Protein backbone atom coordinates (compact mmCIF):
# COMPACT_ATOMS: atom_id res chain seq x y z
CA MET A 1 -15.32 129.42 95.19
CA ALA A 2 -16.28 129.11 91.58
CA ASP A 3 -14.96 131.59 89.07
CA PHE A 4 -18.92 132.27 87.92
CA ASP A 5 -22.20 131.52 88.23
CA ALA A 6 -22.73 130.27 84.96
CA ILE A 7 -20.52 129.12 81.92
CA VAL A 8 -22.22 129.25 78.45
CA VAL A 9 -20.39 127.28 75.43
CA GLY A 10 -20.83 129.37 72.28
CA SER A 11 -21.95 132.84 71.49
CA GLY A 12 -24.37 131.83 68.80
CA ILE A 13 -28.39 132.14 68.27
CA SER A 14 -28.94 129.88 71.41
CA GLY A 15 -25.86 130.90 73.49
CA GLY A 16 -26.71 134.48 72.92
CA TRP A 17 -29.99 133.77 74.37
CA VAL A 18 -28.86 131.97 77.41
CA ALA A 19 -26.58 134.82 78.20
CA LYS A 20 -28.79 137.18 77.68
CA GLU A 21 -31.31 135.86 80.18
CA LEU A 22 -28.72 134.82 83.03
CA CYS A 23 -27.16 137.96 83.22
CA GLU A 24 -30.72 139.91 83.50
CA ARG A 25 -31.66 137.54 86.22
CA GLY A 26 -28.49 138.81 87.83
CA LEU A 27 -26.06 135.93 87.33
CA LYS A 28 -22.44 136.31 86.68
CA VAL A 29 -21.66 134.62 83.43
CA LEU A 30 -18.68 133.29 81.44
CA VAL A 31 -19.56 133.22 77.59
CA LEU A 32 -16.71 130.99 75.77
CA GLU A 33 -16.56 131.36 71.98
CA ARG A 34 -13.86 129.12 70.11
CA GLY A 35 -13.44 131.68 67.14
CA ARG A 36 -12.14 135.11 66.92
CA GLN A 37 -13.81 138.56 68.08
CA VAL A 38 -15.81 140.30 65.14
CA THR A 39 -16.68 143.89 64.86
CA PRO A 40 -19.38 145.25 62.30
CA GLN A 41 -17.33 148.14 61.58
CA ASP A 42 -14.40 145.90 60.68
CA ASP A 43 -15.66 142.57 59.39
CA TYR A 44 -18.90 143.58 57.86
CA SER A 45 -18.85 144.29 53.96
CA ASP A 46 -22.53 145.70 53.24
CA ASN A 47 -21.51 149.61 52.83
CA LEU A 48 -18.63 148.70 50.31
CA ASP A 49 -19.08 149.38 46.52
CA PRO A 50 -18.56 146.96 43.95
CA TRP A 51 -15.51 148.65 43.14
CA GLU A 52 -14.22 148.57 46.66
CA ARG A 53 -14.63 144.49 46.50
CA PRO A 54 -11.56 142.52 45.52
CA GLN A 55 -11.93 140.36 42.52
CA LEU A 56 -15.50 141.40 42.29
CA ASP A 57 -16.14 139.46 45.73
CA TRP A 58 -15.39 136.18 44.16
CA VAL A 59 -13.10 133.68 45.52
CA SER A 60 -10.44 132.07 43.18
CA PRO A 61 -11.47 128.55 41.99
CA ASP A 62 -8.13 127.08 43.70
CA GLU A 63 -8.74 128.60 46.74
CA LYS A 64 -11.97 127.31 46.93
CA ALA A 65 -10.89 123.37 45.95
CA THR A 66 -8.05 123.68 48.20
CA VAL A 67 -9.07 125.64 51.39
CA TYR A 68 -12.82 125.87 51.23
CA PRO A 69 -14.05 122.93 49.33
CA GLU A 70 -17.45 122.36 51.55
CA GLN A 71 -17.90 126.12 52.85
CA SER A 72 -17.80 127.39 49.45
CA LYS A 73 -20.85 125.62 48.39
CA ILE A 74 -22.87 128.31 50.14
CA TYR A 75 -24.72 131.17 48.00
CA ALA A 76 -23.15 133.68 50.66
CA PHE A 77 -19.57 132.81 50.35
CA HIS A 78 -17.30 135.57 48.70
CA GLU A 79 -14.07 137.23 49.14
CA THR A 80 -15.39 139.78 51.59
CA THR A 81 -17.72 137.08 53.47
CA LYS A 82 -15.43 133.93 53.51
CA GLN A 83 -13.71 135.02 56.79
CA PHE A 84 -17.37 134.21 58.44
CA TRP A 85 -17.06 130.40 57.23
CA VAL A 86 -14.02 128.09 58.31
CA LYS A 87 -11.21 126.95 56.59
CA ASP A 88 -11.90 123.06 55.69
CA SER A 89 -8.24 122.42 55.45
CA GLU A 90 -7.66 123.74 58.91
CA HIS A 91 -11.01 122.34 60.55
CA PRO A 92 -11.73 118.51 59.09
CA TYR A 93 -13.88 116.03 60.10
CA LEU A 94 -14.55 112.44 58.97
CA GLN A 95 -17.37 110.54 57.22
CA GLU A 96 -18.24 107.20 56.97
CA GLY A 97 -21.13 105.16 55.44
CA GLU A 98 -22.84 105.57 52.01
CA GLY A 99 -24.31 108.82 52.93
CA LYS A 100 -22.81 112.49 52.38
CA PHE A 101 -22.97 115.04 55.27
CA SER A 102 -22.12 118.45 54.58
CA TRP A 103 -21.13 120.58 57.78
CA ARG A 104 -20.99 124.18 56.85
CA ARG A 105 -19.90 126.56 59.89
CA GLY A 106 -18.24 129.32 60.93
CA TYR A 107 -15.90 130.14 64.07
CA HIS A 108 -16.21 133.74 65.54
CA LEU A 109 -18.45 135.94 67.57
CA GLY A 110 -21.68 135.30 67.06
CA GLY A 111 -21.41 132.00 65.22
CA ARG A 112 -24.01 131.25 62.68
CA SER A 113 -26.12 134.05 63.69
CA ILE A 114 -24.41 136.56 61.70
CA MET A 115 -24.82 134.03 58.73
CA TRP A 116 -28.30 132.50 59.27
CA GLY A 117 -30.97 133.30 56.45
CA ARG A 118 -33.38 134.73 59.20
CA GLN A 119 -36.58 132.66 58.45
CA ALA A 120 -38.31 132.42 61.65
CA TYR A 121 -41.38 130.33 62.28
CA ARG A 122 -43.03 128.42 65.06
CA TRP A 123 -43.21 125.06 65.44
CA SER A 124 -47.45 123.85 65.86
CA PRO A 125 -48.90 121.64 68.22
CA ILE A 126 -48.41 118.47 65.67
CA ASP A 127 -44.54 118.93 65.71
CA PHE A 128 -44.53 118.58 69.15
CA GLU A 129 -46.81 115.48 69.13
CA ALA A 130 -45.37 114.12 66.10
CA ASN A 131 -43.13 111.31 67.68
CA ALA A 132 -45.88 109.98 70.00
CA MET A 133 -48.23 109.76 67.31
CA ASP A 134 -46.45 107.97 64.73
CA GLY A 135 -43.48 106.08 66.88
CA GLU A 136 -40.55 107.41 65.35
CA GLY A 137 -38.29 108.66 67.97
CA VAL A 138 -39.03 109.58 71.41
CA ASP A 139 -41.93 111.66 72.58
CA TRP A 140 -41.28 115.30 73.43
CA PRO A 141 -41.31 116.08 77.09
CA ILE A 142 -42.98 119.19 76.15
CA ARG A 143 -45.90 120.28 74.01
CA TYR A 144 -46.59 123.66 72.19
CA GLU A 145 -48.40 125.50 75.02
CA ASP A 146 -45.27 125.06 77.10
CA LEU A 147 -43.33 127.05 74.92
CA ALA A 148 -46.07 129.30 73.50
CA PRO A 149 -45.28 131.95 76.07
CA TRP A 150 -41.27 131.81 75.12
CA TYR A 151 -42.07 132.23 71.64
CA ASP A 152 -44.04 135.51 72.77
CA THR A 153 -40.88 136.29 74.71
CA VAL A 154 -38.43 135.88 71.85
CA GLU A 155 -40.41 137.26 68.88
CA LYS A 156 -40.71 140.68 70.86
CA PHE A 157 -37.28 141.11 71.32
CA VAL A 158 -35.77 139.78 68.11
CA GLY A 159 -38.40 141.77 66.03
CA ILE A 160 -40.13 139.43 63.49
CA SER A 161 -41.60 140.93 60.27
CA GLY A 162 -44.73 138.84 58.99
CA GLY A 163 -48.39 138.67 58.97
CA ARG A 164 -50.89 137.13 61.35
CA ASP A 165 -52.05 134.56 58.89
CA ASN A 166 -54.10 131.94 60.65
CA VAL A 167 -52.45 128.85 59.04
CA PRO A 168 -53.01 126.10 61.46
CA THR A 169 -49.55 124.41 61.01
CA LEU A 170 -47.62 127.17 61.49
CA PRO A 171 -48.81 129.46 64.57
CA ASP A 172 -49.02 133.28 64.72
CA GLY A 173 -46.88 135.60 67.21
CA GLN A 174 -48.52 137.92 69.21
CA HIS A 175 -45.99 141.06 68.22
CA PHE A 176 -45.11 140.78 64.68
CA LEU A 177 -43.84 143.58 63.09
CA PRO A 178 -45.35 144.77 59.39
CA PRO A 179 -44.75 142.15 56.98
CA PHE A 180 -42.74 143.01 53.79
CA ASP A 181 -44.93 143.04 50.86
CA MET A 182 -45.02 140.43 48.20
CA THR A 183 -44.11 140.82 44.65
CA CYS A 184 -46.98 140.71 41.84
CA ALA A 185 -45.89 136.85 40.59
CA GLU A 186 -46.27 135.67 44.32
CA GLU A 187 -49.67 137.43 44.37
CA MET A 188 -50.75 135.82 41.55
CA LEU A 189 -49.83 132.63 42.60
CA LYS A 190 -51.49 132.96 45.94
CA ALA A 191 -54.77 133.76 44.55
CA GLN A 192 -54.23 130.85 41.98
CA ILE A 193 -53.35 128.33 44.90
CA GLU A 194 -56.29 130.01 46.90
CA THR A 195 -58.32 128.89 43.91
CA HIS A 196 -57.35 125.31 43.06
CA PHE A 197 -56.22 124.47 46.39
CA PRO A 198 -58.25 125.91 49.06
CA GLU A 199 -56.40 124.25 51.98
CA ARG A 200 -53.07 125.58 51.12
CA GLN A 201 -52.21 129.23 52.11
CA LEU A 202 -49.42 131.16 50.46
CA ILE A 203 -47.84 133.83 52.90
CA ILE A 204 -45.12 136.43 53.26
CA GLY A 205 -42.32 134.66 54.67
CA ARG A 206 -41.64 135.58 58.36
CA VAL A 207 -38.24 137.13 59.07
CA ALA A 208 -35.97 138.47 61.77
CA ASN A 209 -35.39 141.80 60.15
CA LEU A 210 -36.70 145.15 61.40
CA SER A 211 -39.15 146.27 59.23
CA ARG A 212 -39.60 149.28 61.77
CA ALA A 213 -37.48 149.29 64.84
CA THR A 214 -38.84 149.33 68.37
CA GLU A 215 -37.79 151.83 71.11
CA GLU A 216 -36.24 148.50 72.86
CA GLN A 217 -34.18 147.47 69.86
CA THR A 218 -33.38 151.54 68.93
CA ALA A 219 -31.97 151.34 72.43
CA LEU A 220 -29.52 148.76 71.53
CA GLY A 221 -28.42 150.26 68.54
CA ARG A 222 -30.72 148.36 65.86
CA GLY A 223 -32.08 150.21 62.89
CA GLN A 224 -34.74 149.62 60.43
CA CYS A 225 -34.06 147.45 57.47
CA GLN A 226 -33.14 149.16 54.43
CA ALA A 227 -34.22 146.29 52.32
CA ARG A 228 -31.02 146.03 50.12
CA ASN A 229 -30.87 141.95 50.88
CA LEU A 230 -26.95 142.34 51.59
CA CYS A 231 -27.86 140.51 54.93
CA TYR A 232 -25.04 137.80 54.19
CA ARG A 233 -22.26 140.12 54.15
CA GLY A 234 -23.46 141.35 57.90
CA CYS A 235 -25.64 144.60 58.71
CA SER A 236 -24.17 147.73 59.76
CA TYR A 237 -27.53 148.83 60.60
CA GLY A 238 -28.16 146.06 63.24
CA ALA A 239 -31.68 145.59 61.40
CA TYR A 240 -31.39 141.53 61.27
CA PHE A 241 -31.15 139.66 64.58
CA SER A 242 -27.82 137.95 65.30
CA SER A 243 -25.91 137.65 68.80
CA LEU A 244 -23.74 140.60 67.93
CA SER A 245 -26.68 143.06 67.49
CA ALA A 246 -29.49 142.08 70.12
CA THR A 247 -28.54 139.38 72.78
CA LEU A 248 -24.97 139.82 73.64
CA PRO A 249 -25.44 143.98 73.83
CA ALA A 250 -28.16 143.35 76.24
CA ALA A 251 -25.99 140.85 78.40
CA GLU A 252 -23.20 143.57 78.42
CA ARG A 253 -25.16 146.31 79.53
CA THR A 254 -26.09 144.26 82.79
CA GLY A 255 -22.31 144.36 83.55
CA ASN A 256 -22.43 140.63 84.67
CA MET A 257 -21.13 139.16 81.34
CA THR A 258 -17.61 138.19 80.90
CA LEU A 259 -16.60 137.11 77.30
CA VAL A 260 -13.31 135.41 76.23
CA THR A 261 -12.77 134.70 72.42
CA ASP A 262 -10.46 131.94 70.87
CA ALA A 263 -11.52 129.57 73.64
CA ILE A 264 -11.89 125.90 72.31
CA VAL A 265 -13.78 123.81 74.99
CA GLN A 266 -11.96 120.40 75.24
CA LYS A 267 -14.02 118.83 77.63
CA LEU A 268 -16.13 119.47 80.82
CA ASP A 269 -14.92 118.26 84.62
CA TYR A 270 -17.21 115.63 86.16
CA ASP A 271 -17.25 115.12 89.88
CA SER A 272 -19.25 111.70 90.18
CA VAL A 273 -19.60 112.51 93.90
CA LEU A 274 -21.81 115.77 93.39
CA GLN A 275 -22.97 114.43 90.03
CA LYS A 276 -22.41 118.06 89.01
CA VAL A 277 -19.78 119.19 86.21
CA THR A 278 -17.48 121.30 88.02
CA GLY A 279 -15.23 122.93 85.25
CA VAL A 280 -14.85 123.54 81.77
CA GLN A 281 -11.37 122.98 80.10
CA VAL A 282 -10.62 125.42 77.67
CA ILE A 283 -7.38 125.54 75.12
CA ASP A 284 -6.30 129.06 73.71
CA ALA A 285 -6.86 128.80 69.84
CA LYS A 286 -3.69 131.23 69.29
CA SER A 287 -1.47 130.10 71.95
CA LYS A 288 -2.33 126.72 72.81
CA ALA A 289 -2.28 127.38 76.43
CA SER A 290 -4.75 125.52 78.49
CA ARG A 291 -6.66 126.61 81.69
CA THR A 292 -10.03 125.48 83.35
CA TYR A 293 -12.98 127.92 84.37
CA THR A 294 -15.84 126.85 87.08
CA ALA A 295 -19.19 127.33 87.92
CA PRO A 296 -22.09 125.81 89.27
CA ILE A 297 -24.02 125.99 86.30
CA ILE A 298 -23.00 125.11 82.74
CA PHE A 299 -24.91 125.71 79.37
CA LEU A 300 -23.49 123.99 76.45
CA ASN A 301 -24.29 125.53 73.36
CA ALA A 302 -21.45 124.80 70.70
CA SER A 303 -23.52 123.92 67.85
CA THR A 304 -25.13 120.53 67.44
CA ILE A 305 -22.04 118.51 66.23
CA ALA A 306 -19.79 120.23 68.11
CA SER A 307 -21.71 119.83 71.36
CA ALA A 308 -22.19 116.13 71.03
CA SER A 309 -18.00 116.00 70.50
CA ILE A 310 -17.39 117.94 73.67
CA LEU A 311 -19.97 115.66 75.42
CA LEU A 312 -18.23 112.24 73.97
CA ASN A 313 -14.76 113.70 74.81
CA SER A 314 -15.65 114.41 78.36
CA LYS A 315 -15.04 110.54 79.63
CA SER A 316 -14.52 109.64 82.89
CA GLU A 317 -14.71 106.65 85.05
CA THR A 318 -18.04 107.06 85.86
CA MET A 319 -19.11 108.09 82.51
CA PRO A 320 -16.85 106.02 80.03
CA ASN A 321 -18.87 106.45 76.93
CA GLY A 322 -18.80 110.17 77.53
CA LEU A 323 -20.62 112.89 79.76
CA ALA A 324 -24.45 112.59 80.12
CA ASN A 325 -24.65 109.39 77.91
CA GLY A 326 -25.94 107.00 80.25
CA SER A 327 -28.89 106.51 77.41
CA ASP A 328 -26.10 106.07 74.70
CA GLN A 329 -28.11 108.83 72.91
CA VAL A 330 -25.38 111.24 72.72
CA GLY A 331 -24.47 111.93 68.99
CA ARG A 332 -27.29 109.92 67.82
CA ASN A 333 -30.34 110.91 65.60
CA ILE A 334 -28.65 113.71 63.58
CA MET A 335 -31.52 115.29 61.57
CA ASP A 336 -31.59 118.27 58.95
CA HIS A 337 -33.89 119.36 56.37
CA VAL A 338 -34.72 117.57 53.14
CA GLY A 339 -33.70 119.92 50.15
CA GLY A 340 -32.42 119.50 46.52
CA SER A 341 -35.84 119.78 44.70
CA ARG A 342 -36.07 123.68 43.63
CA VAL A 343 -39.02 123.65 40.64
CA GLN A 344 -39.36 126.91 38.82
CA ALA A 345 -41.95 128.65 36.72
CA THR A 346 -42.54 131.79 34.50
CA ALA A 347 -45.32 133.96 35.90
CA PRO A 348 -47.41 135.24 33.06
CA GLY A 349 -47.66 138.54 32.57
CA ASN A 350 -47.08 142.11 34.48
CA LEU A 351 -44.37 143.03 32.51
CA ASP A 352 -45.19 146.55 33.47
CA LYS A 353 -44.18 146.18 37.06
CA TYR A 354 -41.22 145.63 39.33
CA TYR A 355 -40.33 145.72 42.64
CA TYR A 356 -38.96 148.42 44.95
CA GLY A 357 -36.31 147.64 47.10
CA ARG A 358 -34.88 144.38 47.71
CA ARG A 359 -36.54 142.31 50.45
CA PRO A 360 -34.68 140.41 52.97
CA THR A 361 -37.45 137.49 52.38
CA GLY A 362 -39.33 135.57 50.00
CA ALA A 363 -43.10 133.87 50.26
CA TYR A 364 -43.69 130.62 52.19
CA LEU A 365 -46.12 127.77 51.72
CA PRO A 366 -46.47 126.06 54.92
CA ARG A 367 -47.01 122.39 55.25
CA TYR A 368 -50.71 120.94 54.17
CA ARG A 369 -49.78 117.20 53.61
CA ASN A 370 -50.61 114.61 56.61
CA TYR A 371 -52.76 117.53 57.98
CA PRO A 372 -55.39 117.08 59.55
CA GLU A 373 -55.53 113.48 58.36
CA ARG A 374 -52.33 111.70 58.21
CA ASP A 375 -53.22 109.97 54.68
CA GLN A 376 -49.95 109.76 52.72
CA ASP A 377 -47.57 106.92 52.29
CA TYR A 378 -44.94 108.75 54.11
CA LYS A 379 -44.79 110.30 57.31
CA ARG A 380 -44.59 113.73 58.66
CA GLY A 381 -44.59 116.70 55.60
CA PHE A 382 -43.06 119.63 53.96
CA ALA A 383 -43.30 123.51 53.19
CA TYR A 384 -41.79 125.47 50.27
CA GLN A 385 -39.99 128.71 50.66
CA VAL A 386 -40.71 130.51 47.62
CA TYR A 387 -38.83 133.13 45.55
CA SER A 388 -39.33 135.23 42.54
CA HIS A 389 -37.62 137.97 40.49
CA ARG A 390 -37.64 139.33 37.15
CA ASP A 391 -35.03 137.98 34.93
CA GLY A 392 -32.01 140.04 33.70
CA ALA A 393 -32.12 141.41 30.23
CA TRP A 394 -28.60 140.22 29.62
CA SER A 395 -29.84 136.51 29.75
CA GLN A 396 -32.11 136.98 27.01
CA HIS A 397 -30.02 139.17 24.57
CA GLN A 398 -27.30 139.06 22.36
CA GLY A 399 -24.79 141.60 20.59
CA ILE A 400 -23.05 144.57 20.81
CA GLY A 401 -23.35 148.37 21.01
CA ALA A 402 -25.85 150.82 21.30
CA ALA A 403 -28.90 148.45 20.31
CA LEU A 404 -27.75 145.63 22.99
CA LYS A 405 -27.57 148.43 25.82
CA ALA A 406 -30.96 149.59 24.56
CA LYS A 407 -32.44 146.28 25.21
CA ASN A 408 -30.66 145.60 28.68
CA ARG A 409 -32.52 148.15 29.92
CA MET A 410 -35.73 146.29 29.87
CA PRO A 411 -35.92 143.21 32.52
CA GLY A 412 -37.20 139.94 31.40
CA ARG A 413 -40.27 137.85 32.36
CA TRP A 414 -41.26 137.11 35.84
CA ARG A 415 -39.86 133.75 37.51
CA ILE A 416 -40.59 132.25 40.65
CA MET A 417 -39.40 129.11 42.44
CA LEU A 418 -40.83 126.40 45.04
CA ASP A 419 -38.11 125.22 46.95
CA VAL A 420 -38.95 122.00 49.22
CA PHE A 421 -38.29 122.06 52.71
CA GLY A 422 -38.87 118.63 54.18
CA GLU A 423 -39.03 117.09 57.73
CA VAL A 424 -36.06 114.28 58.51
CA LEU A 425 -37.10 111.42 60.75
CA PRO A 426 -34.48 110.65 63.72
CA HIS A 427 -32.58 107.38 63.20
CA PRO A 428 -29.94 106.22 65.81
CA ASP A 429 -27.65 105.26 62.91
CA ASN A 430 -27.37 108.73 61.85
CA ARG A 431 -24.67 109.94 64.25
CA VAL A 432 -21.36 111.54 64.97
CA THR A 433 -18.80 109.56 67.06
CA LEU A 434 -14.77 110.71 67.73
CA HIS A 435 -11.95 109.09 65.75
CA GLU A 436 -9.88 106.88 68.28
CA MET A 437 -6.58 108.22 66.54
CA LYS A 438 -6.81 111.35 64.70
CA THR A 439 -7.06 114.61 66.26
CA ASP A 440 -7.23 118.58 64.80
CA ALA A 441 -4.20 120.92 65.28
CA TRP A 442 -5.52 121.41 68.99
CA GLY A 443 -5.69 117.95 69.99
CA MET A 444 -9.15 117.70 70.05
CA PRO A 445 -10.39 113.90 67.97
CA LEU A 446 -11.82 114.47 64.70
CA PRO A 447 -15.83 114.12 64.37
CA VAL A 448 -16.72 111.07 62.50
CA ILE A 449 -20.14 111.84 60.85
CA ASN A 450 -22.15 108.88 59.50
CA ALA A 451 -25.71 110.17 58.27
CA LYS A 452 -28.01 109.78 55.14
CA MET A 453 -31.18 110.43 53.75
CA ARG A 454 -33.49 107.54 54.07
CA ASP A 455 -36.61 106.07 52.66
CA ASN A 456 -39.13 108.29 54.24
CA GLU A 457 -36.84 111.46 53.38
CA LYS A 458 -36.57 110.46 49.82
CA ALA A 459 -40.57 109.81 49.67
CA ILE A 460 -41.01 113.35 51.20
CA LEU A 461 -39.00 115.00 48.42
CA LYS A 462 -40.35 113.36 45.90
CA ALA A 463 -44.02 114.28 46.92
CA GLY A 464 -43.04 117.89 47.40
CA HIS A 465 -41.52 117.79 43.92
CA ALA A 466 -44.68 116.49 42.31
CA ASP A 467 -46.65 119.24 44.26
CA ALA A 468 -44.67 121.74 43.22
CA ILE A 469 -45.05 120.96 39.33
CA GLU A 470 -49.02 120.28 39.79
CA ILE A 471 -49.26 123.72 41.65
CA PHE A 472 -47.32 125.80 38.71
CA GLU A 473 -49.70 123.69 36.21
CA LYS A 474 -52.88 124.34 37.91
CA ALA A 475 -51.95 128.42 38.25
CA GLY A 476 -51.20 128.52 34.79
CA PHE A 477 -47.60 129.10 35.14
CA THR A 478 -45.07 127.71 32.23
CA ASP A 479 -41.56 127.08 31.11
CA ILE A 480 -41.51 124.87 34.44
CA THR A 481 -37.92 123.64 34.98
CA THR A 482 -37.04 121.10 37.16
CA PRO A 483 -33.28 120.15 37.25
CA TRP A 484 -33.74 117.75 40.48
CA GLN A 485 -34.98 114.47 38.97
CA PRO A 486 -36.51 111.83 41.49
CA ASP A 487 -34.85 108.73 41.71
CA ARG A 488 -31.87 109.93 39.97
CA ASN A 489 -30.14 113.06 42.11
CA GLU A 490 -29.36 112.15 45.49
CA THR A 491 -29.82 114.70 48.19
CA GLU A 492 -27.09 115.19 50.86
CA ILE A 493 -27.79 115.85 54.62
CA GLY A 494 -26.59 118.78 56.40
CA ALA A 495 -26.84 121.23 52.99
CA ARG A 496 -29.72 123.37 54.45
CA ILE A 497 -27.36 123.94 57.47
CA HIS A 498 -30.07 122.98 59.99
CA GLU A 499 -28.42 120.09 61.57
CA MET A 500 -29.89 118.89 64.74
CA GLY A 501 -30.93 115.92 67.41
CA THR A 502 -27.53 114.77 68.79
CA ALA A 503 -28.43 115.13 72.58
CA ARG A 504 -32.28 115.21 72.53
CA MET A 505 -35.10 115.78 74.87
CA GLY A 506 -37.30 113.20 76.36
CA ARG A 507 -39.10 111.97 79.00
CA ASP A 508 -37.06 108.59 79.72
CA PRO A 509 -33.48 108.96 80.81
CA LYS A 510 -32.76 105.45 79.28
CA THR A 511 -33.41 106.87 75.93
CA SER A 512 -32.74 110.43 75.52
CA VAL A 513 -30.26 112.84 77.10
CA LEU A 514 -32.06 115.88 78.22
CA ASN A 515 -35.45 116.34 80.11
CA GLY A 516 -38.44 118.73 79.45
CA PHE A 517 -36.35 121.91 80.68
CA ASN A 518 -33.16 121.05 78.78
CA ARG A 519 -31.46 119.75 81.73
CA ALA A 520 -29.27 116.76 81.22
CA HIS A 521 -30.60 113.39 83.12
CA ASP A 522 -27.48 112.34 84.40
CA VAL A 523 -25.83 115.75 85.17
CA LYS A 524 -27.98 118.10 87.28
CA ASN A 525 -26.02 121.25 86.51
CA LEU A 526 -25.73 121.01 82.89
CA PHE A 527 -28.02 122.48 80.31
CA ILE A 528 -28.05 121.94 76.40
CA THR A 529 -30.36 124.25 74.22
CA ASP A 530 -28.68 124.40 71.16
CA GLY A 531 -29.86 122.10 68.04
CA SER A 532 -28.62 119.12 70.04
CA ALA A 533 -31.65 119.14 72.20
CA MET A 534 -34.03 118.58 69.46
CA ALA A 535 -36.25 115.29 69.47
CA SER A 536 -37.71 115.81 66.01
CA SER A 537 -36.92 118.32 63.13
CA ALA A 538 -40.48 119.39 61.65
CA CYS A 539 -40.05 121.09 58.74
CA GLN A 540 -39.80 124.85 59.69
CA ASN A 541 -36.63 126.65 59.88
CA PRO A 542 -35.52 125.65 63.72
CA SER A 543 -33.97 128.74 64.86
CA LEU A 544 -36.91 130.49 66.73
CA THR A 545 -37.40 127.06 68.40
CA TYR A 546 -33.87 127.18 69.64
CA MET A 547 -33.98 130.42 71.15
CA ALA A 548 -37.52 129.89 73.08
CA LEU A 549 -36.06 127.00 74.51
CA SER A 550 -32.98 128.77 75.31
CA ALA A 551 -34.95 131.50 77.14
CA ARG A 552 -37.25 129.04 78.81
CA ALA A 553 -34.28 126.98 80.09
CA ALA A 554 -32.05 129.89 81.27
CA ASN A 555 -34.86 131.17 83.21
CA TYR A 556 -35.51 127.85 85.12
CA ALA A 557 -31.67 127.65 85.64
CA ALA A 558 -31.93 130.97 86.91
CA ASP A 559 -34.63 129.97 89.23
CA LEU A 560 -33.18 126.96 90.42
CA PHE A 561 -29.87 128.96 91.41
CA GLN A 562 -31.51 131.76 93.12
CA SER A 563 -33.67 128.99 95.19
CA GLY A 564 -30.38 127.63 96.28
CA ASP A 565 -31.03 124.18 94.41
CA LEU A 566 -28.00 124.73 91.90
C-alpha cells in the first residue's frame, strides 16, 4: 500500500496550488520541500525599524563576492533577506557556451512565492496561438478558453488588485480587488500616450496584494495591504499572496496534508511494467539519510531547472535518457524574459504633488507590437513595467548645516522609467544537462546550463528601447537617460527570474514532454505544472499562468484518482 495518495515535490507558487486543490478534493498529500521551514514571526523583517537591522541591512562586499556572487545582484538582497537566497558557494551550477545564465533562487518553505514581484497578468489568446502561427517551438495543446475559468478560480483566491482595462492583449479578470492609484506622473504619461499612440494604453499594474481582504482571505489569517512596499522582507500581514500565507494554510486546514522540509529529491522510481512512477527518493538535507516515499500520483514542482534535473537524473534501463524523456525535450527550450533596457525621463511639473503611502506596484504598458497584424521584422512582442517617484533632494544639493537640512526637506523632480519585458522564443539548444562527474554536497549531479539571448530577443530589446525613447519624446518629457545601448550591452538570460520551458507541453509525444493536462506523455501518473511546462514565454509575468495550470491539472488528476484511473 502506498504511503500517500499524492506527492508534491516543491512548495512554491505551483506546488502550493497543487497541494491545496488535491487536499480539498480529499486526497492524502505529502509535500516535499528541499529547503528549511520558514515562519513569518521568525523570518520576516518587515516590522524591524532601521536601527534594528544589522549593518543598515547591507551585506558586506566580501560576503557578496565569496558567498553570494549571483544572488546578491537582486534588489531584494539585504542582510535580513539573504536567508531567502541560496548561498552560491554551497549550491553551484555550471555554464557552457557563449551565453550567461543567471540562476536566482531560494531553498525554503514557500520557495520563490515569498520573494516574487507579485505582478499577476493573464496571458491572452494570441499567446497560446503564437507557436502555431509563426512556427516557433510546438503548438500549445490548450488555448486561452481552456485556462480562462482557472484564471478566475486563482484570481479570486489569490486576491489580485487591478482595473478592468479592456486591453485585447491582456484579458481582464472577473474578481479584481480595487486597483491602487497611479501617481500624477503616470497619469500624465497615460494621457500623452493616448493622445499620440491611441492603440496603446497605460494601466495600473495588476498585483497579488490585497487592497481589500475578502472573508475567505481573512479566514486564512490574511490582512489588507498596508502600502509600505516592504514586500521583499516578507509580509507579516499576509497581504501579498504566497504559499505560506494562502495555499499551504488552506491545504493544512483540510487535515490531509503532510509536510516534510529539508527533503532533497534525488530521483523518481519508475516501474516499466506499470508505466508509472512508484516512489520518490529523498535525502535529508541535514543528516543525509535517505528514504523513499510512495504514492500513485506524483506532481513535480521543484522549479524549471530543478525539475528538469530530477527527470534527467531519474534514468532507468527503460528510459536511459531520463524519465519522461522519449522526446529528448527534457532540459531543452529554456526561456526567460528579455530585459536590460530601462529608459528614464523627467515628467515636467507637479512639484506641488506627492504620493500617499508606498504602493506595492507600478504602472504597466501592455504589448502592442505585432498585434493585430504581425508587421515587425521580429516575432512576438514586449511590454513595459513602469515605475515613477520623486527624486530625493539629497541627490541635488550639497553643503552642511541648517541651510542644507532646509533644502533637503523638499523632494526633487518627478522621474519615470519604462522597463522592457520581451518574449524569448523557445530554442532546443538553450538547455540544461547534468554533469557526468561533478556533484553537489548531497550527491546530485551539477546542472550545466547553456543558454543565451538570440537574434530575435536582441531585436525585441532594441525595438522596446527605441519605442520607450519615442514615447517620452512625444510626451514632452525631458532628461531622457538610456544607460543600456543597443549593439553595445549584452543582456543575460535568467536575470528576470522567469525561467521556464524545460519539460514543455505539446500535442505530439515525439516533440513534447507533457499533454494538455500537464500529464507526462510517457508516464501516466506524473504531472509537472511549474515553469517547466511552458511551451512559450509570452511577455507577461508567468506566475499567474503557473497557478492556473496547477489548479487545472490537480483537479484533473483528482478526477482520475477518484474514478480509479490512477
